[in-house]
Amino acid sequence: MKKWLFGIVVAALPSLVRAEPPTVGPQVTITLQDRNSQALPQRQGFTHTGGGNIDVTQPAPDTIVISMTGVAVAGAHPIKDSTAAMIFELDQLFEINFENPKVKRAKVTLEGRLIGLLRTHPGSGSAAQGPAHAALACGNVELLAIEMPSHCVTGGENLSVNMHQGPAAVGLVAGQYHLHQTFTVSAAHPRTLKMCKASSSEFAPDPALDPLWISYWEPFHGALKKDFGFQVTLKISPDIDGNGPEQLGKPMAAAKRR
């Protein structure tokens, strides 16, 4: 009797294994398409720029992350003003796909963070950042945007910037969209014959800023810089019940036009 029951259990094992539900993947996905991006350094006088990276990654089928990192430094020049800047711009085309036929709309969220340092010394000019802007659009119609304000220090002021915005959300159907993102870091120093320390706008991990431009006693010595820069995360998820934010129900024609 025991052998007979054991045989039934053994015979049933393959069917039990086959009965396990299959692994479910993302119901909505993002397909990256054409990209047009640039980081433009501008320098005059005694200056330094570093970084200039625009990194686009897709850590998951439903998520894209875009990071912009750069540094601008301006020091004293005897015969002309010094100005330095790193100007970023990106336009990323992508397509939203519905892998589950039951999904008719997706909730798209946009989230941003901005981390960096601004340094000046008495009589040493200014350092600035921003604005930092990212917008999701369809053609010329802006559907969703985040914007972090500019910061500027001068005359010996120093500032550590750590900002976060979002997630902001909107509901969309499957189709082709694009993300437009801009960011700027800059520094300036008036001409002078005096030996002065440089002004710096640092929004990039090491080693973008050469340590020769700042001293050991600088106000942010030892700061962790691995997350420096302007980073935007775009993520999509299914909105099967249509119970998203209020703006999910707004028609595209009512969206803000750029």
C-alpha atoms as a PDB file:
ATOM      1  CA  MET A   1       0.000   0.000   0.000  1.00  0.00           C
ATOM      2  CA  LYS A   2       2.802   2.420   0.929  1.00  0.00           C
ATOM      3  CA  LYS A   3       4.673   1.654  -2.308  1.00  0.00           C
ATOM      4  CA  TRP A   4       1.499   2.273  -4.285  1.00  0.00           C
ATOM      5  CA  LEU A   5       0.933   5.712  -2.639  1.00  0.00           C
ATOM      6  CA  PHE A   6       4.593   6.591  -3.128  1.00  0.00           C
ATOM      7  CA  GLY A   7       4.303   5.765  -6.846  1.00  0.00           C
ATOM      8  CA  ILE A   8       1.274   8.056  -7.208  1.00  0.00           C
ATOM      9  CA  VAL A   9       3.113  10.967  -5.530  1.00  0.00           C
ATOM     10  CA  VAL A  10       6.210  10.482  -7.705  1.00  0.00           C
ATOM     11  CA  ALA A  11       4.093  10.304 -10.863  1.00  0.00           C
ATOM     12  CA  ALA A  12       2.286  13.527  -9.912  1.00  0.00           C
ATOM     13  CA  LEU A  13       5.451  15.563  -9.253  1.00  0.00           C
ATOM     14  CA  PRO A  14       6.089  16.603 -12.900  1.00  0.00           C
ATOM     15  CA  SER A  15       2.538  17.910 -13.248  1.00  0.00           C
ATOM     16  CA  LEU A  16       2.866  19.813  -9.963  1.00  0.00           C
ATOM     17  CA  VAL A  17       6.071  21.427 -11.182  1.00  0.00           C
ATOM     18  CA  ARG A  18       4.433  22.350 -14.491  1.00  0.00           C
ATOM     19  CA  ALA A  19       1.498  23.870 -12.607  1.00  0.00           C
ATOM     20  CA  GLU A  20       3.669  26.630 -11.110  1.00  0.00           C
ATOM     21  CA  PRO A  21       2.688  30.012 -12.528  1.00  0.00           C
ATOM     22  CA  PRO A  22       5.198  31.556 -14.952  1.00  0.00           C
ATOM     23  CA  THR A  23       7.274  34.543 -13.901  1.00  0.00           C
ATOM     24  CA  VAL A  24       5.421  37.746 -14.763  1.00  0.00           C
ATOM     25  CA  GLY A  25       7.499  40.496 -16.406  1.00  0.00           C
ATOM     26  CA  PRO A  26       6.758  44.227 -16.637  1.00  0.00           C
ATOM     27  CA  GLN A  27       3.325  44.976 -18.081  1.00  0.00           C
ATOM     28  CA  VAL A  28       4.550  48.252 -19.582  1.00  0.00           C
ATOM     29  CA  THR A  29       8.034  48.909 -20.981  1.00  0.00           C
ATOM     30  CA  ILE A  30      10.191  51.685 -22.403  1.00  0.00           C
ATOM     31  CA  THR A  31      12.160  51.343 -25.650  1.00  0.00           C
ATOM     32  CA  LEU A  32      14.952  53.904 -26.063  1.00  0.00           C
ATOM     33  CA  GLN A  33      15.263  55.391 -29.548  1.00  0.00           C
ATOM     34  CA  ASP A  34      17.170  58.353 -31.032  1.00  0.00           C
ATOM     35  CA  ARG A  35      19.162  60.640 -28.731  1.00  0.00           C
ATOM     36  CA  ASN A  36      20.660  64.087 -29.276  1.00  0.00           C
ATOM     37  CA  SER A  37      22.754  65.434 -26.398  1.00  0.00           C
ATOM     38  CA  GLN A  38      25.685  67.734 -25.782  1.00  0.00           C
ATOM     39  CA  ALA A  39      27.794  69.205 -22.978  1.00  0.00           C
ATOM     40  CA  LEU A  40      29.376  72.472 -24.075  1.00  0.00           C
ATOM     41  CA  PRO A  41      32.325  73.913 -22.066  1.00  0.00           C
ATOM     42  CA  GLN A  42      32.860  77.697 -22.256  1.00  0.00           C
ATOM     43  CA  ARG A  43      36.110  79.197 -20.951  1.00  0.00           C
ATOM     44  CA  GLN A  44      37.761  82.615 -20.868  1.00  0.00           C
ATOM     45  CA  GLY A  45      40.734  83.712 -18.799  1.00  0.00           C
ATOM     46  CA  PHE A  46      42.186  81.603 -15.988  1.00  0.00           C
ATOM     47  CA  THR A  47      39.617  78.788 -15.820  1.00  0.00           C
ATOM     48  CA  HIS A  48      38.994  75.062 -15.533  1.00  0.00           C
ATOM     49  CA  THR A  49      36.107  72.813 -16.578  1.00  0.00           C
ATOM     50  CA  GLY A  50      35.655  69.108 -15.858  1.00  0.00           C
ATOM     51  CA  GLY A  51      33.189  66.300 -16.212  1.00  0.00           C
ATOM     52  CA  GLY A  52      30.731  67.089 -18.969  1.00  0.00           C
ATOM     53  CA  ASN A  53      29.135  63.645 -18.762  1.00  0.00           C
ATOM     54  CA  ILE A  54      25.605  62.833 -19.892  1.00  0.00           C
ATOM     55  CA  ASP A  55      24.801  59.283 -18.820  1.00  0.00           C
ATOM     56  CA  VAL A  56      21.602  57.557 -19.994  1.00  0.00           C
ATOM     57  CA  THR A  57      20.897  54.157 -18.416  1.00  0.00           C
ATOM     58  CA  GLN A  58      17.945  51.766 -18.328  1.00  0.00           C
ATOM     59  CA  PRO A  59      18.202  49.784 -15.060  1.00  0.00           C
ATOM     60  CA  ALA A  60      14.830  48.109 -15.725  1.00  0.00           C
ATOM     61  CA  PRO A  61      12.508  47.757 -18.758  1.00  0.00           C
ATOM     62  CA  ASP A  62      10.134  50.327 -17.217  1.00  0.00           C
ATOM     63  CA  THR A  63      12.738  52.855 -16.006  1.00  0.00           C
ATOM     64  CA  ILE A  64      15.300  55.240 -17.491  1.00  0.00           C
ATOM     65  CA  VAL A  65      17.797  57.372 -15.545  1.00  0.00           C
ATOM     66  CA  ILE A  66      19.618  60.391 -16.996  1.00  0.00           C
ATOM     67  CA  SER A  67      22.544  62.021 -15.154  1.00  0.00           C
ATOM     68  CA  MET A  68      24.359  65.256 -16.034  1.00  0.00           C
ATOM     69  CA  THR A  69      27.628  65.982 -14.188  1.00  0.00           C
ATOM     70  CA  GLY A  70      30.090  68.841 -14.584  1.00  0.00           C
ATOM     71  CA  VAL A  71      32.409  71.370 -12.933  1.00  0.00           C
ATOM     72  CA  ALA A  72      33.277  75.013 -13.672  1.00  0.00           C
ATOM     73  CA  VAL A  73      36.096  76.988 -11.973  1.00  0.00           C
ATOM     74  CA  ALA A  74      37.277  80.583 -12.506  1.00  0.00           C
ATOM     75  CA  GLY A  75      40.410  82.171 -11.019  1.00  0.00           C
ATOM     76  CA  ALA A  76      42.147  85.560 -11.072  1.00  0.00           C
ATOM     77  CA  HIS A  77      43.601  86.773 -14.403  1.00  0.00           C
ATOM     78  CA  PRO A  78      45.709  89.953 -14.562  1.00  0.00           C
ATOM     79  CA  ILE A  79      44.266  91.509 -17.756  1.00  0.00           C
ATOM     80  CA  LYS A  80      40.752  90.119 -18.294  1.00  0.00           C
ATOM     81  CA  ASP A  81      37.753  88.702 -16.475  1.00  0.00           C
ATOM     82  CA  SER A  82      37.595  84.937 -16.106  1.00  0.00           C
ATOM     83  CA  THR A  83      34.391  83.027 -16.874  1.00  0.00           C
ATOM     84  CA  ALA A  84      33.740  79.282 -17.081  1.00  0.00           C
ATOM     85  CA  ALA A  85      30.614  77.265 -17.735  1.00  0.00           C
ATOM     86  CA  MET A  86      29.415  73.792 -18.666  1.00  0.00           C
ATOM     87  CA  ILE A  87      26.097  73.833 -20.522  1.00  0.00           C
ATOM     88  CA  PHE A  88      24.114  70.588 -20.908  1.00  0.00           C
ATOM     89  CA  GLU A  89      21.205  69.722 -23.193  1.00  0.00           C
ATOM     90  CA  LEU A  90      19.599  66.380 -24.040  1.00  0.00           C
ATOM     91  CA  ASP A  91      16.645  65.226 -26.098  1.00  0.00           C
ATOM     92  CA  GLN A  92      15.876  61.501 -25.699  1.00  0.00           C
ATOM     93  CA  LEU A  93      13.242  59.870 -27.904  1.00  0.00           C
ATOM     94  CA  PHE A  94      11.534  56.759 -26.541  1.00  0.00           C
ATOM     95  CA  GLU A  95       8.462  54.575 -27.012  1.00  0.00           C
ATOM     96  CA  ILE A  96       6.019  53.345 -24.377  1.00  0.00           C
ATOM     97  CA  ASN A  97       4.796  49.792 -25.036  1.00  0.00           C
ATOM     98  CA  PHE A  98       2.025  47.782 -23.352  1.00  0.00           C
ATOM     99  CA  GLU A  99       3.056  44.138 -22.937  1.00  0.00           C
ATOM    100  CA  ASN A 100      -0.266  43.260 -21.259  1.00  0.00           C
ATOM    101  CA  PRO A 101      -3.250  43.712 -23.627  1.00  0.00           C
ATOM    102  CA  LYS A 102      -5.452  44.546 -20.637  1.00  0.00           C
ATOM    103  CA  VAL A 103      -3.446  47.721 -20.006  1.00  0.00           C
ATOM    104  CA  LYS A 104      -4.847  50.723 -21.869  1.00  0.00           C
ATOM    105  CA  ARG A 105      -3.073  53.534 -20.005  1.00  0.00           C
ATOM    106  CA  ALA A 106       0.175  53.934 -18.106  1.00  0.00           C
ATOM    107  CA  LYS A 107       1.135  56.226 -15.256  1.00  0.00           C
ATOM    108  CA  VAL A 108       4.411  58.003 -16.006  1.00  0.00           C
ATOM    109  CA  THR A 109       6.370  59.564 -13.136  1.00  0.00           C
ATOM    110  CA  LEU A 110       9.229  62.054 -13.316  1.00  0.00           C
ATOM    111  CA  GLU A 111      11.575  62.560 -10.370  1.00  0.00           C
ATOM    112  CA  GLY A 112      14.749  64.638 -10.033  1.00  0.00           C
ATOM    113  CA  ARG A 113      17.611  65.298  -7.642  1.00  0.00           C
ATOM    114  CA  LEU A 114      20.394  67.887  -7.666  1.00  0.00           C
ATOM    115  CA  ILE A 115      23.536  67.662  -5.487  1.00  0.00           C
ATOM    116  CA  GLY A 116      26.691  69.780  -5.541  1.00  0.00           C
ATOM    117  CA  LEU A 117      28.840  72.541  -4.025  1.00  0.00           C
ATOM    118  CA  LEU A 118      29.290  76.266  -4.712  1.00  0.00           C
ATOM    119  CA  ARG A 119      32.421  78.007  -3.395  1.00  0.00           C
ATOM    120  CA  THR A 120      33.718  81.578  -3.390  1.00  0.00           C
ATOM    121  CA  HIS A 121      36.254  83.587  -1.384  1.00  0.00           C
ATOM    122  CA  PRO A 122      36.210  87.270  -0.378  1.00  0.00           C
ATOM    123  CA  GLY A 123      36.784  89.308  -3.525  1.00  0.00           C
ATOM    124  CA  SER A 124      36.898  86.172  -5.678  1.00  0.00           C
ATOM    125  CA  GLY A 125      33.828  86.452  -7.906  1.00  0.00           C
ATOM    126  CA  SER A 126      30.819  84.151  -8.080  1.00  0.00           C
ATOM    127  CA  ALA A 127      29.670  80.558  -8.605  1.00  0.00           C
ATOM    128  CA  ALA A 128      26.257  79.444  -9.862  1.00  0.00           C
ATOM    129  CA  GLN A 129      24.174  76.455 -10.858  1.00  0.00           C
ATOM    130  CA  GLY A 130      21.041  75.992 -12.899  1.00  0.00           C
ATOM    131  CA  PRO A 131      18.344  76.163 -13.621  1.00  0.00           C
ATOM    132  CA  ALA A 132      17.907  72.402 -13.861  1.00  0.00           C
ATOM    133  CA  HIS A 133      14.935  71.443 -16.025  1.00  0.00           C
ATOM    134  CA  ALA A 134      13.426  68.220 -17.399  1.00  0.00           C
ATOM    135  CA  ALA A 135      10.223  67.890 -19.409  1.00  0.00           C
ATOM    136  CA  LEU A 136       8.286  64.986 -20.914  1.00  0.00           C
ATOM    137  CA  ALA A 137       6.677  65.927 -24.212  1.00  0.00           C
ATOM    138  CA  CYS A 138       4.778  64.561 -27.191  1.00  0.00           C
ATOM    139  CA  GLY A 139       5.743  66.570 -30.244  1.00  0.00           C
ATOM    140  CA  ASN A 140       5.580  70.235 -29.194  1.00  0.00           C
ATOM    141  CA  VAL A 141       3.193  69.584 -26.302  1.00  0.00           C
ATOM    142  CA  GLU A 142       4.787  69.516 -22.833  1.00  0.00           C
ATOM    143  CA  LEU A 143       2.973  66.936 -20.705  1.00  0.00           C
ATOM    144  CA  LEU A 144       4.983  66.881 -17.487  1.00  0.00           C
ATOM    145  CA  ALA A 145       7.950  68.834 -16.100  1.00  0.00           C
ATOM    146  CA  ILE A 146      10.187  69.332 -13.076  1.00  0.00           C
ATOM    147  CA  GLU A 147      12.408  72.366 -12.528  1.00  0.00           C
ATOM    148  CA  MET A 148      14.866  73.123  -9.747  1.00  0.00           C
ATOM    149  CA  PRO A 149      15.722  76.790  -9.153  1.00  0.00           C
ATOM    150  CA  SER A 150      19.119  78.370  -9.684  1.00  0.00           C
ATOM    151  CA  HIS A 151      21.568  79.099  -6.852  1.00  0.00           C
ATOM    152  CA  CYS A 152      24.357  81.679  -6.838  1.00  0.00           C
ATOM    153  CA  VAL A 153      26.998  82.637  -4.237  1.00  0.00           C
ATOM    154  CA  THR A 154      29.492  85.506  -4.208  1.00  0.00           C
ATOM    155  CA  GLY A 155      31.919  87.465  -2.020  1.00  0.00           C
ATOM    156  CA  GLY A 156      33.048  84.653   0.254  1.00  0.00           C
ATOM    157  CA  GLU A 157      29.742  82.775   0.416  1.00  0.00           C
ATOM    158  CA  ASN A 158      29.652  78.969   0.147  1.00  0.00           C
ATOM    159  CA  LEU A 159      26.681  76.694  -0.389  1.00  0.00           C
ATOM    160  CA  SER A 160      25.977  72.963  -0.348  1.00  0.00           C
ATOM    161  CA  VAL A 161      23.033  72.163  -2.655  1.00  0.00           C
ATOM    162  CA  ASN A 162      20.901  69.051  -2.137  1.00  0.00           C
ATOM    163  CA  MET A 163      17.484  69.209  -3.785  1.00  0.00           C
ATOM    164  CA  HIS A 164      14.791  66.710  -4.702  1.00  0.00           C
ATOM    165  CA  GLN A 165      11.596  67.167  -6.680  1.00  0.00           C
ATOM    166  CA  GLY A 166       8.768  64.784  -7.525  1.00  0.00           C
ATOM    167  CA  PRO A 167       7.592  62.311  -8.339  1.00  0.00           C
ATOM    168  CA  ALA A 168       5.207  64.197 -10.594  1.00  0.00           C
ATOM    169  CA  ALA A 169       2.836  61.988 -12.597  1.00  0.00           C
ATOM    170  CA  VAL A 170       0.718  61.965 -15.732  1.00  0.00           C
ATOM    171  CA  GLY A 171      -1.322  59.289 -17.515  1.00  0.00           C
ATOM    172  CA  LEU A 172      -0.458  58.378 -21.126  1.00  0.00           C
ATOM    173  CA  VAL A 173      -1.374  55.906 -23.833  1.00  0.00           C
ATOM    174  CA  ALA A 174       1.171  53.799 -25.709  1.00  0.00           C
ATOM    175  CA  GLY A 175       3.207  55.698 -28.268  1.00  0.00           C
ATOM    176  CA  GLN A 176       6.299  57.781 -28.939  1.00  0.00           C
ATOM    177  CA  TYR A 177       7.455  60.555 -26.579  1.00  0.00           C
ATOM    178  CA  HIS A 178      10.638  62.454 -25.775  1.00  0.00           C
ATOM    179  CA  LEU A 179      12.400  63.787 -22.693  1.00  0.00           C
ATOM    180  CA  HIS A 180      14.119  67.172 -22.896  1.00  0.00           C
ATOM    181  CA  GLN A 181      16.628  67.987 -20.127  1.00  0.00           C
ATOM    182  CA  THR A 182      18.894  71.014 -19.554  1.00  0.00           C
ATOM    183  CA  PHE A 183      21.425  72.022 -16.879  1.00  0.00           C
ATOM    184  CA  THR A 184      24.218  74.602 -16.407  1.00  0.00           C
ATOM    185  CA  VAL A 185      27.100  75.138 -13.961  1.00  0.00           C
ATOM    186  CA  SER A 186      29.178  78.331 -14.067  1.00  0.00           C
ATOM    187  CA  ALA A 187      31.810  80.416 -12.261  1.00  0.00           C
ATOM    188  CA  ALA A 188      33.249  83.917 -12.734  1.00  0.00           C
ATOM    189  CA  HIS A 189      36.145  85.986 -11.367  1.00  0.00           C
ATOM    190  CA  PRO A 190      36.967  89.664 -12.025  1.00  0.00           C
ATOM    191  CA  ARG A 191      40.379  90.566 -13.383  1.00  0.00           C
ATOM    192  CA  THR A 192      42.907  91.439 -10.703  1.00  0.00           C
ATOM    193  CA  LEU A 193      46.640  91.472 -10.002  1.00  0.00           C
ATOM    194  CA  LYS A 194      46.064  90.075  -6.511  1.00  0.00           C
ATOM    195  CA  MET A 195      46.595  86.434  -5.715  1.00  0.00           C
ATOM    196  CA  CYS A 196      43.051  85.156  -5.046  1.00  0.00           C
ATOM    197  CA  LYS A 197      41.508  81.751  -4.640  1.00  0.00           C
ATOM    198  CA  ALA A 198      39.211  80.520  -7.397  1.00  0.00           C
ATOM    199  CA  SER A 199      35.433  80.301  -7.422  1.00  0.00           C
ATOM    200  CA  SER A 200      33.984  76.883  -8.239  1.00  0.00           C
ATOM    201  CA  SER A 201      30.698  75.220  -9.100  1.00  0.00           C
ATOM    202  CA  GLU A 202      31.131  71.480  -8.488  1.00  0.00           C
ATOM    203  CA  PHE A 203      28.355  69.121  -9.578  1.00  0.00           C
ATOM    204  CA  ALA A 204      30.327  66.028 -10.575  1.00  0.00           C
ATOM    205  CA  PRO A 205      32.030  63.119  -8.727  1.00  0.00           C
ATOM    206  CA  ASP A 206      35.817  63.002  -8.336  1.00  0.00           C
ATOM    207  CA  PRO A 207      38.098  63.462 -10.216  1.00  0.00           C
ATOM    208  CA  ALA A 208      36.254  66.096 -12.310  1.00  0.00           C
ATOM    209  CA  LEU A 209      37.579  68.939 -10.124  1.00  0.00           C
ATOM    210  CA  ASP A 210      41.386  68.984  -9.983  1.00  0.00           C
ATOM    211  CA  PRO A 211      42.327  69.322  -6.266  1.00  0.00           C
ATOM    212  CA  LEU A 212      44.917  71.992  -7.209  1.00  0.00           C
ATOM    213  CA  TRP A 213      42.019  74.445  -7.620  1.00  0.00           C
ATOM    214  CA  ILE A 214      40.854  74.087  -3.998  1.00  0.00           C
ATOM    215  CA  SER A 215      42.824  73.993  -0.747  1.00  0.00           C
ATOM    216  CA  TYR A 216      42.914  71.414   2.032  1.00  0.00           C
ATOM    217  CA  TRP A 217      41.086  73.923   4.251  1.00  0.00           C
ATOM    218  CA  GLU A 218      38.224  74.503   1.827  1.00  0.00           C
ATOM    219  CA  PRO A 219      34.809  74.602   3.582  1.00  0.00           C
ATOM    220  CA  PHE A 220      33.544  71.256   2.270  1.00  0.00           C
ATOM    221  CA  HIS A 221      36.673  69.160   2.726  1.00  0.00           C
ATOM    222  CA  GLY A 222      35.802  65.452   2.933  1.00  0.00           C
ATOM    223  CA  ALA A 223      32.362  65.773   1.328  1.00  0.00           C
ATOM    224  CA  LEU A 224      31.076  62.607  -0.358  1.00  0.00           C
ATOM    225  CA  LYS A 225      30.717  63.349  -4.070  1.00  0.00           C
ATOM    226  CA  LYS A 226      29.674  60.068  -5.672  1.00  0.00           C
ATOM    227  CA  ASP A 227      26.065  61.274  -6.173  1.00  0.00           C
ATOM    228  CA  PHE A 228      26.913  64.794  -7.389  1.00  0.00           C
ATOM    229  CA  GLY A 229      25.076  66.125 -10.440  1.00  0.00           C
ATOM    230  CA  PHE A 230      21.578  66.537 -11.860  1.00  0.00           C
ATOM    231  CA  GLN A 231      19.783  63.186 -12.125  1.00  0.00           C
ATOM    232  CA  VAL A 232      16.298  62.548 -13.526  1.00  0.00           C
ATOM    233  CA  THR A 233      14.393  59.253 -13.250  1.00  0.00           C
ATOM    234  CA  LEU A 234      11.470  58.460 -15.547  1.00  0.00           C
ATOM    235  CA  LYS A 235       9.390  55.424 -14.616  1.00  0.00           C
ATOM    236  CA  ILE A 236       6.171  53.932 -15.989  1.00  0.00           C
ATOM    237  CA  SER A 237       3.625  51.578 -14.445  1.00  0.00           C
ATOM    238  CA  PRO A 238       0.243  50.202 -15.570  1.00  0.00           C
ATOM    239  CA  ASP A 239      -2.871  52.163 -14.710  1.00  0.00           C
ATOM    240  CA  ILE A 240      -5.374  49.341 -15.232  1.00  0.00           C
ATOM    241  CA  ASP A 241      -8.163  50.879 -13.149  1.00  0.00           C
ATOM    242  CA  GLY A 242      -7.563  54.432 -14.315  1.00  0.00           C
ATOM    243  CA  ASN A 243      -7.166  55.541 -10.699  1.00  0.00           C
ATOM    244  CA  GLY A 244      -4.096  57.719 -11.164  1.00  0.00           C
ATOM    245  CA  PRO A 245      -3.495  61.356 -10.218  1.00  0.00           C
ATOM    246  CA  GLU A 246      -6.015  64.003 -11.194  1.00  0.00           C
ATOM    247  CA  GLN A 247      -4.021  65.040 -14.254  1.00  0.00           C
ATOM    248  CA  LEU A 248      -4.395  61.534 -15.725  1.00  0.00           C
ATOM    249  CA  GLY A 249      -7.814  62.494 -16.998  1.00  0.00           C
ATOM    250  CA  LYS A 250      -6.697  65.711 -18.694  1.00  0.00           C
ATOM    251  CA  PRO A 251      -6.774  65.557 -22.494  1.00  0.00           C
ATOM    252  CA  MET A 252      -3.514  66.129 -24.339  1.00  0.00           C
ATOM    253  CA  ALA A 253      -4.880  69.276 -25.990  1.00  0.00           C
ATOM    254  CA  ALA A 254      -5.140  70.917 -22.571  1.00  0.00           C
ATOM    255  CA  ALA A 255      -1.481  70.320 -21.737  1.00  0.00           C
ATOM    256  CA  LYS A 256       1.029  73.161 -21.557  1.00  0.00           C
ATOM    257  CA  ARG A 257       2.624  74.070 -24.877  1.00  0.00           C
ATOM    258  CA  ARG A 258       6.299  74.885 -24.923  1.00  0.00           C
END
